[in-house]
Amino acid sequence: MDTHYIKEGLVEIEVPDFEKVSAKAPVFYNPVMELNRDISVAIINQYAKMVDHPISVFDAFGGTGIRGARYAKEIPGVESVMVGDVNPLAVEIAQKNMKLNDLDNVTVEKNDANILLQSNKGLFDVVDIDPFGTPAMFTQSTAANIRPGGLICISATDTSALCGTYHDPCLRKYGARPFKSEYCHENGIRIMLAFIARNLAVNQKYLEVLFSHSTQHYMRIYAIVHRGGKKTNESLDNIGFIAHCPHCLHREISYGFVSTLPSKCPECGCDYEIAGPMWLGSIWNKEFIKDTMDSVDDLQLNKKDELLKLFNQCYEESEGPVTFYDIHKICKTLKISSPKINDVIDEIANRGYFISRTHFKLTGMRTDMPLDELKQLIVDIKEEKLGPEN
């Protein structure tokens, strides 16, 4: 087997040569996911500072071992790491890479993630679920077996289901109905969080969401898991539905496990598209994001600039309302070309409303300005720029 060496963060690993990153490759290193791993290192590092005791980490889908090796070598608060994989070749390569980096606090196990979680109940402070596809079949084991106060880091790459391209897989895997819209990636994260919250609730546990993002082909959430029946019940109050009008872009939200939303838009009479159940609570913790950004300089991260840009965007939008507007979508409904987004943002701020850009979409604006006022503002800006004769 031909191999080559890769340096990332503070570790160097040996990986097999392969033509293309895909699920069919026996074992691969995905350079595109370096930002994902940098974010995870930064967040787990900040979490370790918060809990102020040595932590144990479970990397459920180890592959080459790059993620587990980085956790062990780069995060001072990590005492031990278990790397799991069902692929014997991956286990062999990961074990070799741990020796290559002199990591005697990392164990590599050949087994299914669910079995490893069940056989190590309550031993892990951090559980990282980063599968190729959906995390759905590993969520209940994670919920049942993570230590109370522990951190879950969960990725999903089945964005076509979560974003509404295919409805049936989302219903089957997450027990929710999606819809396609300009904010479908945000909806996907909210559907995923509601699914995780319901799995935790079975075990009288609940979420404290720290950070979430949608980047490239995947979505990822980070949350602390707490225990307590009363607070679990209160946490479920964050679950509900969103109704979206594809014609005029009006939207409504409804809390609860049964939608009380009308079937038609009250503004234009068109049929609503309704998605849920999904998480309608916060998907970011502003204070945690700031603390994480402040501690990034202590780490050696190749993607530090990209990480800080993403964190800054999420920090700015963290206290905004559920969902955002796409200026191009609004202008399409108005049958006008789009003005400069910064002109619109400045005017929204001048009127005293919340306003931020969003990392979910380059042309997105997160604001609590009523939609009718926002549409009129855009029209007014166009008329001021082009003149009333246009």
Protein backbone atom coordinates (compact mmCIF):
# COMPACT_ATOMS: atom_id res chain seq x y z
CA MET A 1 0.00 0.00 0.00
CA ASP A 2 1.46 3.35 -1.07
CA THR A 3 1.33 6.08 1.55
CA HIS A 4 2.33 9.69 2.11
CA TYR A 5 2.75 11.97 5.13
CA ILE A 6 0.59 14.96 6.07
CA LYS A 7 1.23 17.67 8.67
CA GLU A 8 -1.79 19.27 10.32
CA GLY A 9 -1.80 21.27 13.52
CA LEU A 10 0.86 19.74 15.77
CA VAL A 11 0.65 16.22 14.37
CA GLU A 12 2.03 14.37 11.39
CA ILE A 13 0.23 11.31 10.08
CA GLU A 14 0.80 8.69 7.42
CA VAL A 15 -2.14 8.14 5.07
CA PRO A 16 -2.78 5.81 2.13
CA ASP A 17 -2.69 7.26 -1.37
CA PHE A 18 -6.16 7.60 -2.90
CA GLU A 19 -7.61 9.16 -6.02
CA LYS A 20 -10.74 10.74 -4.58
CA VAL A 21 -12.29 11.41 -1.16
CA SER A 22 -15.45 9.31 -0.98
CA ALA A 23 -17.22 6.76 1.19
CA LYS A 24 -15.84 4.05 -1.13
CA ALA A 25 -12.23 4.84 -0.25
CA PRO A 26 -11.05 2.31 2.39
CA VAL A 27 -9.34 5.00 4.50
CA PHE A 28 -8.78 8.60 3.51
CA TYR A 29 -7.62 11.95 4.79
CA ASN A 30 -9.92 14.82 3.76
CA PRO A 31 -8.00 18.13 3.62
CA VAL A 32 -11.26 20.05 3.13
CA MET A 33 -12.23 19.13 6.69
CA GLU A 34 -9.18 20.76 8.28
CA LEU A 35 -11.29 23.80 9.18
CA ASN A 36 -13.81 21.47 10.83
CA ARG A 37 -11.03 19.91 12.90
CA ASP A 38 -9.56 23.34 13.78
CA ILE A 39 -12.99 24.48 15.01
CA SER A 40 -13.34 21.31 17.08
CA VAL A 41 -9.91 21.77 18.64
CA ALA A 42 -10.74 25.38 19.55
CA ILE A 43 -14.14 24.54 21.04
CA ILE A 44 -13.02 21.48 23.00
CA ASN A 45 -10.06 23.51 24.29
CA GLN A 46 -12.45 26.17 25.58
CA TYR A 47 -14.78 23.53 27.03
CA ALA A 48 -11.81 21.97 28.89
CA LYS A 49 -11.08 25.38 30.44
CA MET A 50 -14.72 25.70 31.52
CA VAL A 51 -14.92 22.34 33.31
CA ASP A 52 -11.46 22.79 34.83
CA HIS A 53 -10.61 19.09 35.13
CA PRO A 54 -8.85 16.59 32.85
CA ILE A 55 -11.25 15.39 30.16
CA SER A 56 -11.70 12.18 28.20
CA VAL A 57 -12.70 12.28 24.52
CA PHE A 58 -14.31 9.71 22.25
CA ASP A 59 -13.73 10.10 18.50
CA ALA A 60 -16.30 7.68 17.14
CA PHE A 61 -15.20 7.65 13.48
CA GLY A 62 -11.44 7.69 13.68
CA GLY A 63 -10.35 6.96 10.11
CA THR A 64 -6.65 7.81 9.90
CA GLY A 65 -6.75 9.01 13.52
CA ILE A 66 -6.03 12.63 12.62
CA ARG A 67 -8.85 14.08 14.72
CA GLY A 68 -8.14 12.03 17.84
CA ALA A 69 -4.42 12.63 17.54
CA ARG A 70 -4.94 16.39 17.35
CA TYR A 71 -7.23 16.38 20.37
CA ALA A 72 -4.64 14.48 22.40
CA LYS A 73 -1.64 16.54 21.33
CA GLU A 74 -3.06 20.06 20.98
CA ILE A 75 -5.55 20.44 23.84
CA PRO A 76 -3.86 20.73 27.26
CA GLY A 77 -6.96 19.64 29.19
CA VAL A 78 -7.33 16.29 27.36
CA GLU A 79 -6.23 13.38 29.55
CA SER A 80 -7.27 10.50 27.31
CA VAL A 81 -8.76 9.83 23.88
CA MET A 82 -10.47 6.76 22.51
CA VAL A 83 -10.58 6.46 18.72
CA GLY A 84 -13.09 4.02 17.26
CA ASP A 85 -13.65 2.61 13.79
CA VAL A 86 -15.21 -0.52 12.34
CA ASN A 87 -12.69 -0.66 9.49
CA PRO A 88 -9.69 -2.88 10.39
CA LEU A 89 -7.44 -0.99 7.96
CA ALA A 90 -8.41 2.32 9.58
CA VAL A 91 -7.64 0.90 13.02
CA GLU A 92 -4.25 -0.32 11.85
CA ILE A 93 -3.38 3.07 10.32
CA ALA A 94 -4.68 5.02 13.33
CA GLN A 95 -2.63 2.89 15.74
CA LYS A 96 0.46 3.51 13.61
CA ASN A 97 -0.19 7.25 13.60
CA MET A 98 -0.53 7.38 17.39
CA LYS A 99 2.90 5.76 17.71
CA LEU A 100 4.27 8.16 15.10
CA ASN A 101 3.21 11.07 17.33
CA ASP A 102 4.21 9.43 20.65
CA LEU A 103 0.64 9.52 21.92
CA ASP A 104 0.40 6.95 24.68
CA ASN A 105 -2.83 8.51 26.03
CA VAL A 106 -4.79 7.43 22.93
CA THR A 107 -6.39 4.01 22.51
CA VAL A 108 -7.72 2.78 19.17
CA GLU A 109 -10.62 0.31 19.18
CA LYS A 110 -12.12 -1.69 16.33
CA ASN A 111 -15.86 -1.63 16.96
CA ASP A 112 -19.14 0.05 16.13
CA ALA A 113 -19.62 3.51 17.68
CA ASN A 114 -22.83 2.46 19.45
CA ILE A 115 -21.15 -0.54 21.05
CA LEU A 116 -18.19 1.52 22.22
CA LEU A 117 -20.51 4.13 23.73
CA GLN A 118 -22.59 1.51 25.52
CA SER A 119 -19.56 -0.34 26.88
CA ASN A 120 -18.03 2.90 28.18
CA LYS A 121 -21.14 4.46 29.71
CA GLY A 122 -20.45 7.69 31.56
CA LEU A 123 -16.70 7.63 30.87
CA PHE A 124 -16.51 10.30 28.18
CA ASP A 125 -16.60 14.06 28.72
CA VAL A 126 -16.62 14.70 24.96
CA VAL A 127 -18.29 12.56 22.30
CA ASP A 128 -17.49 13.44 18.68
CA ILE A 129 -19.82 11.94 16.07
CA ASP A 130 -18.58 12.80 12.58
CA PRO A 131 -19.93 10.14 10.20
CA PHE A 132 -20.07 10.04 6.42
CA GLY A 133 -23.82 10.75 6.15
CA THR A 134 -26.39 10.97 8.93
CA PRO A 135 -25.59 10.80 12.67
CA ALA A 136 -29.16 9.69 13.42
CA MET A 137 -28.41 6.06 14.31
CA PHE A 138 -25.73 7.11 16.83
CA THR A 139 -27.66 9.83 18.61
CA GLN A 140 -29.53 7.70 21.13
CA SER A 141 -26.36 5.92 22.26
CA THR A 142 -24.65 9.28 22.61
CA ALA A 143 -27.58 10.67 24.61
CA ALA A 144 -27.74 7.65 26.91
CA ASN A 145 -24.05 7.22 27.59
CA ILE A 146 -22.34 10.62 27.64
CA ARG A 147 -21.37 11.91 31.06
CA PRO A 148 -23.72 14.64 32.43
CA GLY A 149 -22.04 17.99 31.80
CA GLY A 150 -20.32 16.47 28.77
CA LEU A 151 -19.90 18.02 25.34
CA ILE A 152 -21.38 16.54 22.17
CA CYS A 153 -19.93 17.42 18.77
CA ILE A 154 -22.18 16.07 16.02
CA SER A 155 -21.91 16.44 12.23
CA ALA A 156 -24.32 15.62 9.41
CA THR A 157 -23.45 15.48 5.73
CA ASP A 158 -26.88 14.39 4.50
CA THR A 159 -27.78 17.99 3.69
CA SER A 160 -30.11 17.00 0.85
CA ALA A 161 -32.45 15.48 3.45
CA LEU A 162 -32.09 18.19 6.11
CA CYS A 163 -32.45 21.03 3.58
CA GLY A 164 -35.59 19.69 1.93
CA THR A 165 -34.38 18.34 -1.40
CA TYR A 166 -35.72 14.95 -0.29
CA HIS A 167 -38.53 14.94 2.28
CA ASP A 168 -38.88 11.23 3.02
CA PRO A 169 -35.29 10.63 4.22
CA CYS A 170 -35.58 13.58 6.61
CA LEU A 171 -38.84 12.23 8.02
CA ARG A 172 -37.36 8.73 8.30
CA LYS A 173 -34.07 9.74 9.92
CA TYR A 174 -34.98 12.85 11.95
CA GLY A 175 -38.74 12.59 12.40
CA ALA A 176 -39.24 16.00 10.79
CA ARG A 177 -40.49 17.60 7.62
CA PRO A 178 -38.09 20.04 5.88
CA PHE A 179 -38.64 22.55 3.10
CA LYS A 180 -36.36 24.23 0.59
CA SER A 181 -35.88 27.94 1.15
CA GLU A 182 -33.15 30.56 1.31
CA TYR A 183 -32.62 29.58 4.97
CA CYS A 184 -32.88 25.80 4.52
CA HIS A 185 -29.40 25.19 5.96
CA GLU A 186 -30.38 26.96 9.16
CA ASN A 187 -33.58 24.88 9.21
CA GLY A 188 -31.42 21.77 8.77
CA ILE A 189 -29.41 22.58 11.89
CA ARG A 190 -32.62 23.30 13.80
CA ILE A 191 -34.17 19.99 12.68
CA MET A 192 -31.01 18.20 13.78
CA LEU A 193 -31.01 19.94 17.18
CA ALA A 194 -34.65 19.10 17.81
CA PHE A 195 -33.93 15.46 16.98
CA ILE A 196 -30.98 15.41 19.41
CA ALA A 197 -33.04 17.17 22.10
CA ARG A 198 -35.79 14.54 21.83
CA ASN A 199 -33.25 11.73 22.15
CA LEU A 200 -31.71 13.39 25.19
CA ALA A 201 -35.12 13.93 26.76
CA VAL A 202 -35.73 10.17 26.91
CA ASN A 203 -32.79 10.06 29.33
CA GLN A 204 -33.91 13.17 31.29
CA LYS A 205 -31.13 15.21 29.68
CA TYR A 206 -31.20 18.49 27.79
CA LEU A 207 -29.08 20.69 25.53
CA GLU A 208 -27.12 23.85 26.15
CA VAL A 209 -26.16 24.81 22.59
CA LEU A 210 -22.72 26.43 22.36
CA PHE A 211 -22.08 26.69 18.64
CA SER A 212 -23.40 25.49 15.30
CA HIS A 213 -22.55 26.15 11.70
CA SER A 214 -23.20 25.04 8.14
CA THR A 215 -20.06 24.94 6.02
CA GLN A 216 -19.56 23.46 2.56
CA HIS A 217 -21.17 20.01 2.51
CA TYR A 218 -21.89 19.52 6.22
CA MET A 219 -23.65 20.87 9.31
CA ARG A 220 -22.20 20.64 12.81
CA ILE A 221 -23.40 21.38 16.32
CA TYR A 222 -21.64 21.63 19.69
CA ALA A 223 -23.68 21.44 22.89
CA ILE A 224 -23.26 20.64 26.57
CA VAL A 225 -25.56 17.93 27.91
CA HIS A 226 -27.14 18.48 31.33
CA ARG A 227 -29.40 16.25 33.43
CA GLY A 228 -32.68 17.09 35.16
CA GLY A 229 -36.33 16.27 34.54
CA LYS A 230 -37.76 19.76 35.04
CA LYS A 231 -35.15 21.51 32.90
CA THR A 232 -35.52 18.82 30.25
CA ASN A 233 -39.24 19.58 30.04
CA GLU A 234 -38.48 23.29 29.78
CA SER A 235 -35.91 22.62 27.06
CA LEU A 236 -38.53 20.89 24.92
CA ASP A 237 -40.48 24.16 24.89
CA ASN A 238 -37.89 25.33 22.34
CA ILE A 239 -39.25 22.90 19.74
CA GLY A 240 -41.81 23.94 17.16
CA PHE A 241 -42.59 24.67 13.51
CA ILE A 242 -41.91 27.32 10.86
CA ALA A 243 -44.40 28.25 8.14
CA HIS A 244 -42.93 29.86 5.03
CA CYS A 245 -44.70 31.49 2.10
CA PRO A 246 -42.70 30.90 -1.09
CA HIS A 247 -44.66 33.65 -2.87
CA CYS A 248 -44.31 36.72 -0.60
CA LEU A 249 -41.68 35.30 1.85
CA HIS A 250 -43.85 35.90 4.94
CA ARG A 251 -43.08 33.40 7.71
CA GLU A 252 -44.52 32.46 11.10
CA ILE A 253 -43.32 30.24 13.94
CA SER A 254 -45.31 28.06 16.31
CA TYR A 255 -44.01 26.44 19.51
CA GLY A 256 -45.05 22.94 20.51
CA PHE A 257 -45.04 19.43 19.09
CA VAL A 258 -48.29 20.05 17.21
CA SER A 259 -48.33 22.87 14.68
CA THR A 260 -51.01 25.53 15.22
CA LEU A 261 -50.05 27.35 12.04
CA PRO A 262 -52.63 28.08 9.31
CA SER A 263 -52.32 26.32 5.97
CA LYS A 264 -52.35 29.56 3.96
CA CYS A 265 -50.36 32.76 4.18
CA PRO A 266 -52.42 35.57 5.76
CA GLU A 267 -50.59 38.16 3.62
CA CYS A 268 -51.12 36.79 0.11
CA GLY A 269 -53.31 33.68 0.48
CA CYS A 270 -50.76 31.23 -0.99
CA ASP A 271 -50.21 27.81 0.54
CA TYR A 272 -47.67 27.76 3.37
CA GLU A 273 -44.76 25.36 3.41
CA ILE A 274 -44.41 24.08 6.97
CA ALA A 275 -41.26 22.52 8.44
CA GLY A 276 -40.66 20.86 11.77
CA PRO A 277 -40.52 19.91 14.47
CA MET A 278 -37.32 21.92 14.81
CA TRP A 279 -35.32 23.77 17.47
CA LEU A 280 -36.51 27.38 17.73
CA GLY A 281 -34.19 28.34 20.57
CA SER A 282 -30.74 29.83 20.24
CA ILE A 283 -28.22 27.94 18.12
CA TRP A 284 -25.25 29.93 19.50
CA ASN A 285 -23.91 31.00 22.90
CA LYS A 286 -22.49 34.50 22.40
CA GLU A 287 -20.31 34.49 25.53
CA PHE A 288 -18.84 31.08 24.66
CA ILE A 289 -18.04 32.22 21.12
CA LYS A 290 -16.21 35.28 22.44
CA ASP A 291 -14.23 33.23 24.98
CA THR A 292 -13.28 30.72 22.27
CA MET A 293 -12.09 33.47 19.93
CA ASP A 294 -10.04 34.98 22.76
CA SER A 295 -8.25 31.66 23.35
CA VAL A 296 -7.52 30.80 19.71
CA ASP A 297 -4.10 32.48 19.78
CA ASP A 298 -2.95 29.79 22.22
CA LEU A 299 -3.45 27.14 19.53
CA GLN A 300 -1.58 26.32 16.33
CA LEU A 301 -4.31 26.32 13.68
CA ASN A 302 -3.65 26.54 9.95
CA LYS A 303 -7.19 27.75 9.28
CA LYS A 304 -7.22 30.35 12.06
CA ASP A 305 -8.27 33.23 9.79
CA GLU A 306 -11.19 31.26 8.34
CA LEU A 307 -12.18 30.11 11.84
CA LEU A 308 -12.19 33.63 13.26
CA LYS A 309 -14.19 34.94 10.31
CA LEU A 310 -16.85 32.26 10.89
CA PHE A 311 -16.89 32.83 14.65
CA ASN A 312 -17.20 36.58 14.20
CA GLN A 313 -20.15 36.12 11.83
CA CYS A 314 -21.90 33.78 14.26
CA TYR A 315 -21.13 36.13 17.17
CA GLU A 316 -22.80 39.02 15.32
CA GLU A 317 -25.95 37.05 14.43
CA SER A 318 -26.20 35.10 17.70
CA GLU A 319 -28.88 37.30 19.29
CA GLY A 320 -30.95 37.73 16.15
CA PRO A 321 -34.36 36.21 15.41
CA VAL A 322 -35.09 32.76 14.02
CA THR A 323 -34.54 32.75 10.21
CA PHE A 324 -33.14 35.46 7.96
CA TYR A 325 -34.00 37.16 4.67
CA ASP A 326 -32.16 36.93 1.36
CA ILE A 327 -32.03 40.33 -0.34
CA HIS A 328 -32.08 38.74 -3.79
CA LYS A 329 -35.20 36.71 -2.96
CA ILE A 330 -36.98 39.83 -1.68
CA CYS A 331 -36.05 41.80 -4.79
CA LYS A 332 -37.32 38.98 -6.98
CA THR A 333 -40.74 39.22 -5.32
CA LEU A 334 -40.62 43.01 -5.83
CA LYS A 335 -39.53 42.56 -9.47
CA ILE A 336 -36.59 44.94 -9.04
CA SER A 337 -32.83 44.55 -9.15
CA SER A 338 -31.05 44.38 -5.84
CA PRO A 339 -29.48 47.46 -4.24
CA LYS A 340 -26.19 47.17 -2.40
CA ILE A 341 -26.77 45.03 0.66
CA ASN A 342 -24.64 47.32 2.84
CA ASP A 343 -26.93 50.27 2.03
CA VAL A 344 -29.92 48.22 3.21
CA ILE A 345 -28.11 47.04 6.34
CA ASP A 346 -27.06 50.58 7.26
CA GLU A 347 -30.62 51.87 6.95
CA ILE A 348 -32.04 48.99 9.02
CA ALA A 349 -29.52 49.83 11.76
CA ASN A 350 -30.40 53.54 11.52
CA ARG A 351 -34.02 52.66 12.26
CA GLY A 352 -33.04 50.84 15.46
CA TYR A 353 -33.70 47.22 14.43
CA PHE A 354 -31.42 44.26 15.01
CA ILE A 355 -29.37 43.58 11.88
CA SER A 356 -26.47 41.32 10.99
CA ARG A 357 -25.13 39.36 8.09
CA THR A 358 -25.36 35.58 8.37
CA HIS A 359 -22.78 32.89 7.77
CA PHE A 360 -25.48 30.73 6.20
CA LYS A 361 -25.75 32.85 3.06
CA LEU A 362 -23.66 35.63 1.52
CA THR A 363 -26.75 37.65 0.58
CA GLY A 364 -28.60 36.95 3.83
CA MET A 365 -29.66 39.49 6.48
CA ARG A 366 -30.84 38.55 9.96
CA THR A 367 -33.17 41.25 11.24
CA ASP A 368 -36.30 41.76 13.32
CA MET A 369 -37.58 44.46 10.97
CA PRO A 370 -41.10 43.50 9.77
CA LEU A 371 -41.03 42.13 6.23
CA ASP A 372 -43.38 44.78 4.81
CA GLU A 373 -41.17 47.57 6.16
CA LEU A 374 -38.06 45.82 4.85
CA LYS A 375 -39.58 45.54 1.37
CA GLN A 376 -40.53 49.23 1.37
CA LEU A 377 -37.06 50.19 2.60
CA ILE A 378 -35.48 48.32 -0.33
CA VAL A 379 -37.85 50.02 -2.79
CA ASP A 380 -37.07 53.44 -1.28
CA ILE A 381 -33.32 52.83 -1.56
CA LYS A 382 -33.70 51.83 -5.21
CA GLU A 383 -35.75 54.92 -6.02
CA GLU A 384 -33.25 57.16 -4.24
CA LYS A 385 -30.36 55.61 -6.16
CA LEU A 386 -32.01 55.47 -9.59
CA GLY A 387 -34.36 58.45 -9.38
CA PRO A 388 -38.18 58.44 -9.38
CA GLU A 389 -38.34 58.41 -13.19
CA ASN A 390 -37.00 54.83 -13.16
